[in-house]
Amino acid sequence: MSVEAMVQAMIDDLTAALGDAAKHDKGNSAAGTRVRKAMQACKAAAQDVRVQVQNDKSA
């Protein structure tokens, strides 16, 4: 997968989490759990992007 595609997937996932973030702001704690899960997935995806860029740089 290209770096551009990886970043776009992260953007899509974060955009999808916006609805749950709004629900969390209104007091829905279950939505907060979903937001935290999305943020953890984003963190892992960001690390994958970093590794891919580093590997591309080293090659």
N, C-alpha and C. Protein backbone atom coordinates (compact mmCIF):
# COMPACT_ATOMS: atom_id res chain seq x y z
N MET A 1 0.85 -1.18 0.00
CA MET A 1 0.00 0.00 0.00
C MET A 1 0.90 1.24 0.00
N SER A 2 0.51 2.21 -0.78
CA SER A 2 1.31 3.43 -0.86
C SER A 2 1.11 4.29 0.40
N VAL A 3 2.06 5.14 0.65
CA VAL A 3 1.97 6.04 1.80
C VAL A 3 0.75 6.95 1.65
N GLU A 4 0.52 7.41 0.43
CA GLU A 4 -0.64 8.28 0.19
C GLU A 4 -1.94 7.55 0.55
N ALA A 5 -2.05 6.29 0.16
CA ALA A 5 -3.25 5.51 0.47
C ALA A 5 -3.38 5.28 1.98
N MET A 6 -2.25 5.08 2.64
CA MET A 6 -2.28 4.87 4.09
C MET A 6 -2.78 6.13 4.80
N VAL A 7 -2.29 7.28 4.38
CA VAL A 7 -2.71 8.55 4.99
C VAL A 7 -4.19 8.81 4.69
N GLN A 8 -4.62 8.52 3.47
CA GLN A 8 -6.02 8.73 3.11
C GLN A 8 -6.93 7.83 3.95
N ALA A 9 -6.51 6.60 4.21
CA ALA A 9 -7.29 5.69 5.06
C ALA A 9 -7.40 6.26 6.47
N MET A 10 -6.32 6.85 6.97
CA MET A 10 -6.37 7.46 8.30
C MET A 10 -7.35 8.63 8.31
N ILE A 11 -7.33 9.45 7.26
CA ILE A 11 -8.25 10.59 7.18
C ILE A 11 -9.69 10.10 7.15
N ASP A 12 -9.95 9.05 6.37
CA ASP A 12 -11.30 8.50 6.29
C ASP A 12 -11.77 7.98 7.65
N ASP A 13 -10.89 7.29 8.36
CA ASP A 13 -11.25 6.76 9.68
C ASP A 13 -11.52 7.88 10.68
N LEU A 14 -10.70 8.92 10.63
CA LEU A 14 -10.90 10.04 11.55
C LEU A 14 -12.19 10.80 11.22
N THR A 15 -12.48 10.94 9.95
CA THR A 15 -13.72 11.60 9.53
C THR A 15 -14.92 10.81 10.04
N ALA A 16 -14.83 9.49 9.96
CA ALA A 16 -15.92 8.65 10.46
C ALA A 16 -16.09 8.79 11.98
N ALA A 17 -15.00 9.07 12.68
CA ALA A 17 -15.06 9.20 14.14
C ALA A 17 -15.65 10.53 14.59
N LEU A 18 -15.78 11.48 13.68
CA LEU A 18 -16.32 12.79 14.05
C LEU A 18 -17.73 12.71 14.64
N GLY A 19 -18.54 11.84 14.08
CA GLY A 19 -19.91 11.67 14.60
C GLY A 19 -19.90 11.21 16.04
N ASP A 20 -19.06 10.25 16.36
CA ASP A 20 -18.97 9.77 17.73
C ASP A 20 -18.37 10.83 18.64
N ALA A 21 -17.46 11.65 18.12
CA ALA A 21 -16.89 12.72 18.93
C ALA A 21 -17.97 13.72 19.32
N ALA A 22 -18.85 14.04 18.38
CA ALA A 22 -19.95 14.96 18.68
C ALA A 22 -20.88 14.36 19.72
N LYS A 23 -21.17 13.07 19.60
CA LYS A 23 -22.03 12.41 20.59
C LYS A 23 -21.37 12.41 21.97
N HIS A 24 -20.05 12.19 21.98
CA HIS A 24 -19.32 12.21 23.25
C HIS A 24 -19.42 13.59 23.91
N ASP A 25 -19.30 14.63 23.10
CA ASP A 25 -19.38 15.99 23.64
C ASP A 25 -20.75 16.27 24.26
N LYS A 26 -21.75 15.54 23.82
CA LYS A 26 -23.10 15.71 24.38
C LYS A 26 -23.34 14.79 25.57
N GLY A 27 -22.31 14.03 25.97
CA GLY A 27 -22.42 13.22 27.18
C GLY A 27 -22.57 11.74 26.97
N ASN A 28 -22.47 11.25 25.75
CA ASN A 28 -22.61 9.82 25.48
C ASN A 28 -21.28 9.13 25.74
N SER A 29 -21.19 8.40 26.84
CA SER A 29 -19.91 7.79 27.21
C SER A 29 -19.55 6.62 26.29
N ALA A 30 -20.53 5.92 25.74
CA ALA A 30 -20.23 4.83 24.81
C ALA A 30 -19.56 5.39 23.55
N ALA A 31 -19.99 6.55 23.11
CA ALA A 31 -19.37 7.18 21.95
C ALA A 31 -17.92 7.55 22.27
N GLY A 32 -17.67 7.94 23.51
CA GLY A 32 -16.30 8.24 23.92
C GLY A 32 -15.40 7.03 23.81
N THR A 33 -15.93 5.88 24.14
CA THR A 33 -15.17 4.63 24.01
C THR A 33 -14.83 4.37 22.54
N ARG A 34 -15.78 4.60 21.67
CA ARG A 34 -15.54 4.41 20.24
C ARG A 34 -14.51 5.41 19.72
N VAL A 35 -14.55 6.63 20.23
CA VAL A 35 -13.56 7.63 19.82
C VAL A 35 -12.17 7.21 20.27
N ARG A 36 -12.05 6.73 21.49
CA ARG A 36 -10.74 6.27 21.99
C ARG A 36 -10.22 5.11 21.15
N LYS A 37 -11.11 4.20 20.76
CA LYS A 37 -10.72 3.07 19.93
C LYS A 37 -10.23 3.57 18.57
N ALA A 38 -10.92 4.54 18.00
CA ALA A 38 -10.52 5.11 16.71
C ALA A 38 -9.17 5.80 16.83
N MET A 39 -8.93 6.49 17.93
CA MET A 39 -7.66 7.19 18.12
C MET A 39 -6.51 6.19 18.27
N GLN A 40 -6.77 5.07 18.93
CA GLN A 40 -5.74 4.04 19.08
C GLN A 40 -5.40 3.44 17.72
N ALA A 41 -6.43 3.20 16.90
CA ALA A 41 -6.20 2.67 15.56
C ALA A 41 -5.42 3.68 14.72
N CYS A 42 -5.73 4.95 14.88
CA CYS A 42 -5.03 6.00 14.15
C CYS A 42 -3.56 6.06 14.57
N LYS A 43 -3.32 5.90 15.84
CA LYS A 43 -1.94 5.90 16.34
C LYS A 43 -1.15 4.76 15.72
N ALA A 44 -1.75 3.58 15.64
CA ALA A 44 -1.09 2.42 15.04
C ALA A 44 -0.86 2.65 13.55
N ALA A 45 -1.85 3.23 12.88
CA ALA A 45 -1.71 3.50 11.45
C ALA A 45 -0.62 4.54 11.20
N ALA A 46 -0.53 5.54 12.07
CA ALA A 46 0.51 6.56 11.93
C ALA A 46 1.89 5.93 12.08
N GLN A 47 2.02 5.00 12.98
CA GLN A 47 3.30 4.31 13.16
C GLN A 47 3.64 3.50 11.91
N ASP A 48 2.63 2.87 11.32
CA ASP A 48 2.86 2.11 10.09
C ASP A 48 3.34 3.04 8.97
N VAL A 49 2.78 4.23 8.89
CA VAL A 49 3.21 5.21 7.88
C VAL A 49 4.66 5.60 8.14
N ARG A 50 5.00 5.87 9.39
CA ARG A 50 6.37 6.24 9.73
C ARG A 50 7.36 5.15 9.32
N VAL A 51 7.01 3.90 9.61
CA VAL A 51 7.89 2.78 9.26
C VAL A 51 8.04 2.67 7.75
N GLN A 52 6.93 2.81 7.02
CA GLN A 52 6.99 2.72 5.55
C GLN A 52 7.87 3.82 4.97
N VAL A 53 7.70 5.05 5.46
CA VAL A 53 8.51 6.16 4.96
C VAL A 53 9.99 5.92 5.27
N GLN A 54 10.28 5.44 6.46
CA GLN A 54 11.66 5.17 6.83
C GLN A 54 12.25 4.07 5.95
N ASN A 55 11.47 3.03 5.69
CA ASN A 55 11.95 1.95 4.82
C ASN A 55 12.19 2.45 3.40
N ASP A 56 11.30 3.30 2.91
CA ASP A 56 11.48 3.86 1.57
C ASP A 56 12.74 4.73 1.51
N LYS A 57 13.00 5.46 2.59
CA LYS A 57 14.17 6.33 2.64
C LYS A 57 15.46 5.51 2.66
N SER A 58 15.43 4.38 3.33
CA SER A 58 16.62 3.54 3.49
C SER A 58 16.90 2.71 2.24
N ALA A 59 15.89 2.50 1.43
CA ALA A 59 16.05 1.62 0.26
C ALA A 59 16.80 2.29 -0.88
